[in-house]
Amino acid sequence: HPEIDARELGLEWAGIGGSALSQAMLARIESDLGAEGGQGWGVTETSPICVVGRLLPKHASLSTEDQQKIKLNQGRGVCGVELK
């Protein structure tokens, strides 16, 4: 949006779906929006999200590069989803 820099959105996390999250998009979410970025994956027949790539508290001590690798990964299964 052309006015994104003029707005205070108060976002903590911005999720991306529909295609893979690129490193450039992740960097822009985190720098321009001040939010943690991540991605979720699912299919029409599911609840719509099966897995989500998001940091856990234990990841706080990792380097920025290692944290980005986790965020760019497909992620972990969400509660109640059985993965095979």
PDB file of N, CA and C in Angstrom:
ATOM      1  N   HIS A   1       0.842  -1.173   0.000  1.00  0.00           N
ATOM      2  CA  HIS A   1       0.000   0.000   0.000  1.00  0.00           C
ATOM      3  C   HIS A   1       0.890   1.240   0.000  1.00  0.00           C
ATOM      4  N   PRO A   2       0.529   2.274  -0.771  1.00  0.00           N
ATOM      5  CA  PRO A   2       1.390   3.456  -0.876  1.00  0.00           C
ATOM      6  C   PRO A   2       1.570   4.225   0.427  1.00  0.00           C
ATOM      7  N   GLU A   3       0.654   4.106   1.369  1.00  0.00           N
ATOM      8  CA  GLU A   3       0.751   4.855   2.624  1.00  0.00           C
ATOM      9  C   GLU A   3       1.219   3.995   3.791  1.00  0.00           C
ATOM     10  N   ILE A   4       1.811   2.851   3.517  1.00  0.00           N
ATOM     11  CA  ILE A   4       2.168   1.929   4.594  1.00  0.00           C
ATOM     12  C   ILE A   4       3.145   2.553   5.590  1.00  0.00           C
ATOM     13  N   ASP A   5       4.047   3.404   5.102  1.00  0.00           N
ATOM     14  CA  ASP A   5       5.014   4.039   6.002  1.00  0.00           C
ATOM     15  C   ASP A   5       4.365   5.083   6.905  1.00  0.00           C
ATOM     16  N   ALA A   6       3.216   5.597   6.529  1.00  0.00           N
ATOM     17  CA  ALA A   6       2.542   6.638   7.303  1.00  0.00           C
ATOM     18  C   ALA A   6       1.589   6.060   8.350  1.00  0.00           C
ATOM     19  N   ARG A   7       1.480   4.764   8.405  1.00  0.00           N
ATOM     20  CA  ARG A   7       0.524   4.121   9.316  1.00  0.00           C
ATOM     21  C   ARG A   7       1.238   3.357  10.422  1.00  0.00           C
ATOM     22  N   GLU A   8       0.637   3.360  11.600  1.00  0.00           N
ATOM     23  CA  GLU A   8       1.110   2.522  12.704  1.00  0.00           C
ATOM     24  C   GLU A   8       0.127   1.368  12.799  1.00  0.00           C
ATOM     25  N   LEU A   9       0.552   0.204  12.311  1.00  0.00           N
ATOM     26  CA  LEU A   9      -0.356  -0.933  12.248  1.00  0.00           C
ATOM     27  C   LEU A   9      -0.410  -1.740  13.538  1.00  0.00           C
ATOM     28  N   GLY A  10       0.612  -1.642  14.368  1.00  0.00           N
ATOM     29  CA  GLY A  10       0.627  -2.388  15.614  1.00  0.00           C
ATOM     30  C   GLY A  10       0.705  -3.895  15.423  1.00  0.00           C
ATOM     31  N   LEU A  11       1.275  -4.334  14.305  1.00  0.00           N
ATOM     32  CA  LEU A  11       1.384  -5.767  14.040  1.00  0.00           C
ATOM     33  C   LEU A  11       2.487  -6.407  14.869  1.00  0.00           C
ATOM     34  N   GLU A  12       2.234  -7.610  15.347  1.00  0.00           N
ATOM     35  CA  GLU A  12       3.267  -8.405  16.004  1.00  0.00           C
ATOM     36  C   GLU A  12       3.755  -9.515  15.090  1.00  0.00           C
ATOM     37  N   TRP A  13       2.843 -10.066  14.277  1.00  0.00           N
ATOM     38  CA  TRP A  13       3.190 -11.178  13.391  1.00  0.00           C
ATOM     39  C   TRP A  13       2.411 -11.042  12.097  1.00  0.00           C
ATOM     40  N   ALA A  14       3.088 -11.244  10.981  1.00  0.00           N
ATOM     41  CA  ALA A  14       2.438 -11.200   9.671  1.00  0.00           C
ATOM     42  C   ALA A  14       2.631 -12.552   9.003  1.00  0.00           C
ATOM     43  N   GLY A  15       1.561 -13.246   8.736  1.00  0.00           N
ATOM     44  CA  GLY A  15       1.623 -14.558   8.111  1.00  0.00           C
ATOM     45  C   GLY A  15       1.393 -14.482   6.616  1.00  0.00           C
ATOM     46  N   ILE A  16       2.124 -15.285   5.888  1.00  0.00           N
ATOM     47  CA  ILE A  16       2.017 -15.354   4.433  1.00  0.00           C
ATOM     48  C   ILE A  16       1.526 -16.747   4.053  1.00  0.00           C
ATOM     49  N   GLY A  17       0.627 -16.827   3.099  1.00  0.00           N
ATOM     50  CA  GLY A  17       0.148 -18.106   2.595  1.00  0.00           C
ATOM     51  C   GLY A  17      -0.092 -18.022   1.101  1.00  0.00           C
ATOM     52  N   GLY A  18      -0.248 -19.146   0.474  1.00  0.00           N
ATOM     53  CA  GLY A  18      -0.516 -19.183  -0.956  1.00  0.00           C
ATOM     54  C   GLY A  18       0.712 -19.434  -1.800  1.00  0.00           C
ATOM     55  N   SER A  19       1.868 -19.054  -1.304  1.00  0.00           N
ATOM     56  CA  SER A  19       3.141 -19.339  -1.974  1.00  0.00           C
ATOM     57  C   SER A  19       4.249 -19.209  -0.941  1.00  0.00           C
ATOM     58  N   ALA A  20       5.426 -19.671  -1.310  1.00  0.00           N
ATOM     59  CA  ALA A  20       6.556 -19.644  -0.376  1.00  0.00           C
ATOM     60  C   ALA A  20       6.946 -18.212  -0.030  1.00  0.00           C
ATOM     61  N   LEU A  21       7.302 -18.006   1.208  1.00  0.00           N
ATOM     62  CA  LEU A  21       7.780 -16.714   1.687  1.00  0.00           C
ATOM     63  C   LEU A  21       9.229 -16.543   1.267  1.00  0.00           C
ATOM     64  N   SER A  22       9.521 -15.487   0.518  1.00  0.00           N
ATOM     65  CA  SER A  22      10.896 -15.241   0.078  1.00  0.00           C
ATOM     66  C   SER A  22      11.671 -14.503   1.165  1.00  0.00           C
ATOM     67  N   GLN A  23      12.988 -14.601   1.096  1.00  0.00           N
ATOM     68  CA  GLN A  23      13.830 -13.899   2.058  1.00  0.00           C
ATOM     69  C   GLN A  23      13.626 -12.389   1.940  1.00  0.00           C
ATOM     70  N   ALA A  24      13.449 -11.885   0.715  1.00  0.00           N
ATOM     71  CA  ALA A  24      13.229 -10.448   0.508  1.00  0.00           C
ATOM     72  C   ALA A  24      11.918  -9.992   1.145  1.00  0.00           C
ATOM     73  N   MET A  25      10.855 -10.776   0.985  1.00  0.00           N
ATOM     74  CA  MET A  25       9.568 -10.420   1.585  1.00  0.00           C
ATOM     75  C   MET A  25       9.656 -10.476   3.105  1.00  0.00           C
ATOM     76  N   LEU A  26      10.322 -11.498   3.649  1.00  0.00           N
ATOM     77  CA  LEU A  26      10.501 -11.604   5.095  1.00  0.00           C
ATOM     78  C   LEU A  26      11.238 -10.380   5.625  1.00  0.00           C
ATOM     79  N   ALA A  27      12.308  -9.981   4.947  1.00  0.00           N
ATOM     80  CA  ALA A  27      13.076  -8.808   5.376  1.00  0.00           C
ATOM     81  C   ALA A  27      12.213  -7.551   5.347  1.00  0.00           C
ATOM     82  N   ARG A  28      11.383  -7.408   4.329  1.00  0.00           N
ATOM     83  CA  ARG A  28      10.532  -6.221   4.227  1.00  0.00           C
ATOM     84  C   ARG A  28       9.464  -6.205   5.318  1.00  0.00           C
ATOM     85  N   ILE A  29       8.870  -7.349   5.598  1.00  0.00           N
ATOM     86  CA  ILE A  29       7.878  -7.429   6.677  1.00  0.00           C
ATOM     87  C   ILE A  29       8.507  -6.985   7.989  1.00  0.00           C
ATOM     88  N   GLU A  30       9.704  -7.502   8.253  1.00  0.00           N
ATOM     89  CA  GLU A  30      10.336  -7.218   9.540  1.00  0.00           C
ATOM     90  C   GLU A  30      10.878  -5.795   9.620  1.00  0.00           C
ATOM     91  N   SER A  31      11.398  -5.246   8.514  1.00  0.00           N
ATOM     92  CA  SER A  31      11.939  -3.885   8.569  1.00  0.00           C
ATOM     93  C   SER A  31      10.848  -2.829   8.410  1.00  0.00           C
ATOM     94  N   ASP A  32       9.966  -2.983   7.437  1.00  0.00           N
ATOM     95  CA  ASP A  32       8.961  -1.955   7.160  1.00  0.00           C
ATOM     96  C   ASP A  32       7.765  -2.001   8.102  1.00  0.00           C
ATOM     97  N   LEU A  33       7.360  -3.197   8.505  1.00  0.00           N
ATOM     98  CA  LEU A  33       6.186  -3.323   9.365  1.00  0.00           C
ATOM     99  C   LEU A  33       6.542  -3.503  10.838  1.00  0.00           C
ATOM    100  N   GLY A  34       7.811  -3.824  11.121  1.00  0.00           N
ATOM    101  CA  GLY A  34       8.219  -4.046  12.499  1.00  0.00           C
ATOM    102  C   GLY A  34       7.568  -5.272  13.115  1.00  0.00           C
ATOM    103  N   ALA A  35       7.192  -6.233  12.273  1.00  0.00           N
ATOM    104  CA  ALA A  35       6.521  -7.444  12.741  1.00  0.00           C
ATOM    105  C   ALA A  35       7.376  -8.659  12.425  1.00  0.00           C
ATOM    106  N   GLU A  36       7.189  -9.724  13.190  1.00  0.00           N
ATOM    107  CA  GLU A  36       7.822 -10.994  12.862  1.00  0.00           C
ATOM    108  C   GLU A  36       7.049 -11.590  11.689  1.00  0.00           C
ATOM    109  N   GLY A  37       7.770 -12.156  10.722  1.00  0.00           N
ATOM    110  CA  GLY A  37       7.115 -12.762   9.570  1.00  0.00           C
ATOM    111  C   GLY A  37       7.218 -14.270   9.614  1.00  0.00           C
ATOM    112  N   GLY A  38       6.313 -14.945   8.966  1.00  0.00           N
ATOM    113  CA  GLY A  38       6.336 -16.396   8.877  1.00  0.00           C
ATOM    114  C   GLY A  38       5.346 -16.856   7.833  1.00  0.00           C
ATOM    115  N   GLN A  39       5.336 -18.156   7.575  1.00  0.00           N
ATOM    116  CA  GLN A  39       4.433 -18.680   6.565  1.00  0.00           C
ATOM    117  C   GLN A  39       3.652 -19.868   7.088  1.00  0.00           C
ATOM    118  N   GLY A  40       2.509 -20.082   6.503  1.00  0.00           N
ATOM    119  CA  GLY A  40       1.678 -21.228   6.838  1.00  0.00           C
ATOM    120  C   GLY A  40       1.321 -21.987   5.583  1.00  0.00           C
ATOM    121  N   TRP A  41       1.143 -23.288   5.728  1.00  0.00           N
ATOM    122  CA  TRP A  41       0.798 -24.141   4.590  1.00  0.00           C
ATOM    123  C   TRP A  41      -0.410 -24.987   4.931  1.00  0.00           C
ATOM    124  N   GLY A  42      -1.252 -25.180   3.955  1.00  0.00           N
ATOM    125  CA  GLY A  42      -2.410 -26.040   4.113  1.00  0.00           C
ATOM    126  C   GLY A  42      -2.980 -26.359   2.740  1.00  0.00           C
ATOM    127  N   VAL A  43      -4.079 -27.066   2.723  1.00  0.00           N
ATOM    128  CA  VAL A  43      -4.783 -27.365   1.480  1.00  0.00           C
ATOM    129  C   VAL A  43      -6.268 -27.143   1.712  1.00  0.00           C
ATOM    130  N   THR A  44      -7.006 -27.049   0.664  1.00  0.00           N
ATOM    131  CA  THR A  44      -8.434 -26.753   0.760  1.00  0.00           C
ATOM    132  C   THR A  44      -9.165 -27.706   1.702  1.00  0.00           C
ATOM    133  N   GLU A  45      -8.750 -28.964   1.712  1.00  0.00           N
ATOM    134  CA  GLU A  45      -9.454 -29.967   2.511  1.00  0.00           C
ATOM    135  C   GLU A  45      -9.116 -29.910   4.000  1.00  0.00           C
ATOM    136  N   THR A  46      -8.189 -29.059   4.387  1.00  0.00           N
ATOM    137  CA  THR A  46      -7.806 -28.966   5.802  1.00  0.00           C
ATOM    138  C   THR A  46      -8.478 -27.779   6.450  1.00  0.00           C
ATOM    139  N   SER A  47      -7.989 -27.480   7.617  1.00  0.00           N
ATOM    140  CA  SER A  47      -8.662 -26.482   8.459  1.00  0.00           C
ATOM    141  C   SER A  47      -8.235 -25.034   8.303  1.00  0.00           C
ATOM    142  N   PRO A  48      -7.758 -24.418   7.550  1.00  0.00           N
ATOM    143  CA  PRO A  48      -6.996 -24.239   6.327  1.00  0.00           C
ATOM    144  C   PRO A  48      -5.499 -24.316   6.511  1.00  0.00           C
ATOM    145  N   ILE A  49      -4.980 -24.273   7.735  1.00  0.00           N
ATOM    146  CA  ILE A  49      -3.521 -24.302   7.916  1.00  0.00           C
ATOM    147  C   ILE A  49      -3.123 -25.595   8.612  1.00  0.00           C
ATOM    148  N   CYS A  50      -2.113 -26.264   8.073  1.00  0.00           N
ATOM    149  CA  CYS A  50      -1.598 -27.508   8.660  1.00  0.00           C
ATOM    150  C   CYS A  50      -0.280 -27.283   9.383  1.00  0.00           C
ATOM    151  N   VAL A  51       0.577 -26.468   8.802  1.00  0.00           N
ATOM    152  CA  VAL A  51       1.882 -26.182   9.394  1.00  0.00           C
ATOM    153  C   VAL A  51       2.127 -24.683   9.360  1.00  0.00           C
ATOM    154  N   VAL A  52       2.948 -24.217  10.296  1.00  0.00           N
ATOM    155  CA  VAL A  52       3.289 -22.799  10.336  1.00  0.00           C
ATOM    156  C   VAL A  52       4.750 -22.652  10.745  1.00  0.00           C
ATOM    157  N   GLY A  53       5.461 -21.772  10.050  1.00  0.00           N
ATOM    158  CA  GLY A  53       6.861 -21.493  10.362  1.00  0.00           C
ATOM    159  C   GLY A  53       6.944 -20.279  11.267  1.00  0.00           C
ATOM    160  N   ARG A  54       7.127 -20.515  12.530  1.00  0.00           N
ATOM    161  CA  ARG A  54       7.164 -19.422  13.510  1.00  0.00           C
ATOM    162  C   ARG A  54       8.180 -19.764  14.588  1.00  0.00           C
ATOM    163  N   LEU A  55       8.833 -18.751  15.107  1.00  0.00           N
ATOM    164  CA  LEU A  55       9.844 -18.966  16.138  1.00  0.00           C
ATOM    165  C   LEU A  55       9.203 -19.374  17.458  1.00  0.00           C
ATOM    166  N   LEU A  56       9.932 -20.190  18.200  1.00  0.00           N
ATOM    167  CA  LEU A  56       9.565 -20.547  19.565  1.00  0.00           C
ATOM    168  C   LEU A  56      10.468 -19.768  20.512  1.00  0.00           C
ATOM    169  N   PRO A  57      10.106 -19.657  21.786  1.00  0.00           N
ATOM    170  CA  PRO A  57      10.966 -18.937  22.727  1.00  0.00           C
ATOM    171  C   PRO A  57      12.408 -19.438  22.738  1.00  0.00           C
ATOM    172  N   LYS A  58      12.612 -20.741  22.522  1.00  0.00           N
ATOM    173  CA  LYS A  58      13.972 -21.283  22.544  1.00  0.00           C
ATOM    174  C   LYS A  58      14.823 -20.779  21.374  1.00  0.00           C
ATOM    175  N   HIS A  59      14.217 -20.188  20.372  1.00  0.00           N
ATOM    176  CA  HIS A  59      14.951 -19.678  19.215  1.00  0.00           C
ATOM    177  C   HIS A  59      15.449 -18.242  19.408  1.00  0.00           C
ATOM    178  N   ALA A  60      15.093 -17.601  20.504  1.00  0.00           N
ATOM    179  CA  ALA A  60      15.447 -16.196  20.725  1.00  0.00           C
ATOM    180  C   ALA A  60      16.951 -15.950  20.729  1.00  0.00           C
ATOM    181  N   SER A  61      17.730 -16.930  21.144  1.00  0.00           N
ATOM    182  CA  SER A  61      19.180 -16.739  21.235  1.00  0.00           C
ATOM    183  C   SER A  61      19.903 -17.037  19.920  1.00  0.00           C
ATOM    184  N   LEU A  62      19.187 -17.500  18.905  1.00  0.00           N
ATOM    185  CA  LEU A  62      19.816 -17.799  17.616  1.00  0.00           C
ATOM    186  C   LEU A  62      20.166 -16.514  16.869  1.00  0.00           C
ATOM    187  N   SER A  63      21.103 -16.618  15.954  1.00  0.00           N
ATOM    188  CA  SER A  63      21.456 -15.467  15.124  1.00  0.00           C
ATOM    189  C   SER A  63      20.275 -15.109  14.222  1.00  0.00           C
ATOM    190  N   THR A  64      20.280 -13.891  13.699  1.00  0.00           N
ATOM    191  CA  THR A  64      19.229 -13.462  12.782  1.00  0.00           C
ATOM    192  C   THR A  64      19.150 -14.389  11.580  1.00  0.00           C
ATOM    193  N   GLU A  65      20.300 -14.803  11.058  1.00  0.00           N
ATOM    194  CA  GLU A  65      20.333 -15.702   9.905  1.00  0.00           C
ATOM    195  C   GLU A  65      19.677 -17.046  10.227  1.00  0.00           C
ATOM    196  N   ASP A  66      19.986 -17.608  11.396  1.00  0.00           N
ATOM    197  CA  ASP A  66      19.386 -18.885  11.787  1.00  0.00           C
ATOM    198  C   ASP A  66      17.884 -18.741  12.051  1.00  0.00           C
ATOM    199  N   GLN A  67      17.469 -17.604  12.610  1.00  0.00           N
ATOM    200  CA  GLN A  67      16.041 -17.364  12.810  1.00  0.00           C
ATOM    201  C   GLN A  67      15.321 -17.268  11.468  1.00  0.00           C
ATOM    202  N   GLN A  68      15.944 -16.617  10.484  1.00  0.00           N
ATOM    203  CA  GLN A  68      15.335 -16.509   9.156  1.00  0.00           C
ATOM    204  C   GLN A  68      15.161 -17.880   8.518  1.00  0.00           C
ATOM    205  N   LYS A  69      16.127 -18.773   8.712  1.00  0.00           N
ATOM    206  CA  LYS A  69      16.017 -20.124   8.152  1.00  0.00           C
ATOM    207  C   LYS A  69      14.779 -20.833   8.691  1.00  0.00           C
ATOM    208  N   ILE A  70      14.496 -20.646   9.971  1.00  0.00           N
ATOM    209  CA  ILE A  70      13.313 -21.260  10.578  1.00  0.00           C
ATOM    210  C   ILE A  70      12.046 -20.644   9.989  1.00  0.00           C
ATOM    211  N   LYS A  71      12.020 -19.325   9.867  1.00  0.00           N
ATOM    212  CA  LYS A  71      10.835 -18.639   9.347  1.00  0.00           C
ATOM    213  C   LYS A  71      10.570 -18.972   7.883  1.00  0.00           C
ATOM    214  N   LEU A  72      11.621 -19.243   7.122  1.00  0.00           N
ATOM    215  CA  LEU A  72      11.473 -19.553   5.702  1.00  0.00           C
ATOM    216  C   LEU A  72      11.177 -21.029   5.456  1.00  0.00           C
ATOM    217  N   ASN A  73      11.263 -21.845   6.501  1.00  0.00           N
ATOM    218  CA  ASN A  73      10.952 -23.268   6.414  1.00  0.00           C
ATOM    219  C   ASN A  73       9.437 -23.450   6.398  1.00  0.00           C
ATOM    220  N   GLN A  74       8.974 -24.603   5.942  1.00  0.00           N
ATOM    221  CA  GLN A  74       7.533 -24.858   5.932  1.00  0.00           C
ATOM    222  C   GLN A  74       6.939 -24.834   7.332  1.00  0.00           C
ATOM    223  N   GLY A  75       7.700 -25.204   8.344  1.00  0.00           N
ATOM    224  CA  GLY A  75       7.234 -25.074   9.711  1.00  0.00           C
ATOM    225  C   GLY A  75       6.852 -26.373  10.392  1.00  0.00           C
ATOM    226  N   ARG A  76       6.195 -26.218  11.543  1.00  0.00           N
ATOM    227  CA  ARG A  76       5.760 -27.335  12.384  1.00  0.00           C
ATOM    228  C   ARG A  76       4.249 -27.482  12.263  1.00  0.00           C
ATOM    229  N   GLY A  77       3.784 -28.694  12.507  1.00  0.00           N
ATOM    230  CA  GLY A  77       2.344 -28.934  12.487  1.00  0.00           C
ATOM    231  C   GLY A  77       1.643 -28.143  13.579  1.00  0.00           C
ATOM    232  N   VAL A  78       0.467 -27.639  13.267  1.00  0.00           N
ATOM    233  CA  VAL A  78      -0.306 -26.908  14.266  1.00  0.00           C
ATOM    234  C   VAL A  78      -1.052 -27.903  15.156  1.00  0.00           C
ATOM    235  N   CYS A  79      -1.484 -27.450  16.296  1.00  0.00           N
ATOM    236  CA  CYS A  79      -2.165 -28.291  17.268  1.00  0.00           C
ATOM    237  C   CYS A  79      -3.381 -28.966  16.638  1.00  0.00           C
ATOM    238  N   GLY A  80      -3.482 -30.269  16.823  1.00  0.00           N
ATOM    239  CA  GLY A  80      -4.620 -31.018  16.326  1.00  0.00           C
ATOM    240  C   GLY A  80      -4.459 -31.578  14.926  1.00  0.00           C
ATOM    241  N   VAL A  81      -3.304 -31.318  14.288  1.00  0.00           N
ATOM    242  CA  VAL A  81      -3.064 -31.820  12.934  1.00  0.00           C
ATOM    243  C   VAL A  81      -2.094 -32.988  12.999  1.00  0.00           C
ATOM    244  N   GLU A  82      -2.463 -34.100  12.369  1.00  0.00           N
ATOM    245  CA  GLU A  82      -1.580 -35.261  12.288  1.00  0.00           C
ATOM    246  C   GLU A  82      -0.877 -35.232  10.938  1.00  0.00           C
ATOM    247  N   LEU A  83       0.449 -35.181  10.975  1.00  0.00           N
ATOM    248  CA  LEU A  83       1.240 -35.141   9.738  1.00  0.00           C
ATOM    249  C   LEU A  83       1.823 -36.509   9.460  1.00  0.00           C
ATOM    250  N   LYS A  84       1.866 -36.890   8.203  1.00  0.00           N
ATOM    251  CA  LYS A  84       2.436 -38.183   7.818  1.00  0.00           C
ATOM    252  C   LYS A  84       3.554 -37.977   6.833  1.00  0.00           C
TER     253      LYS A  84
END
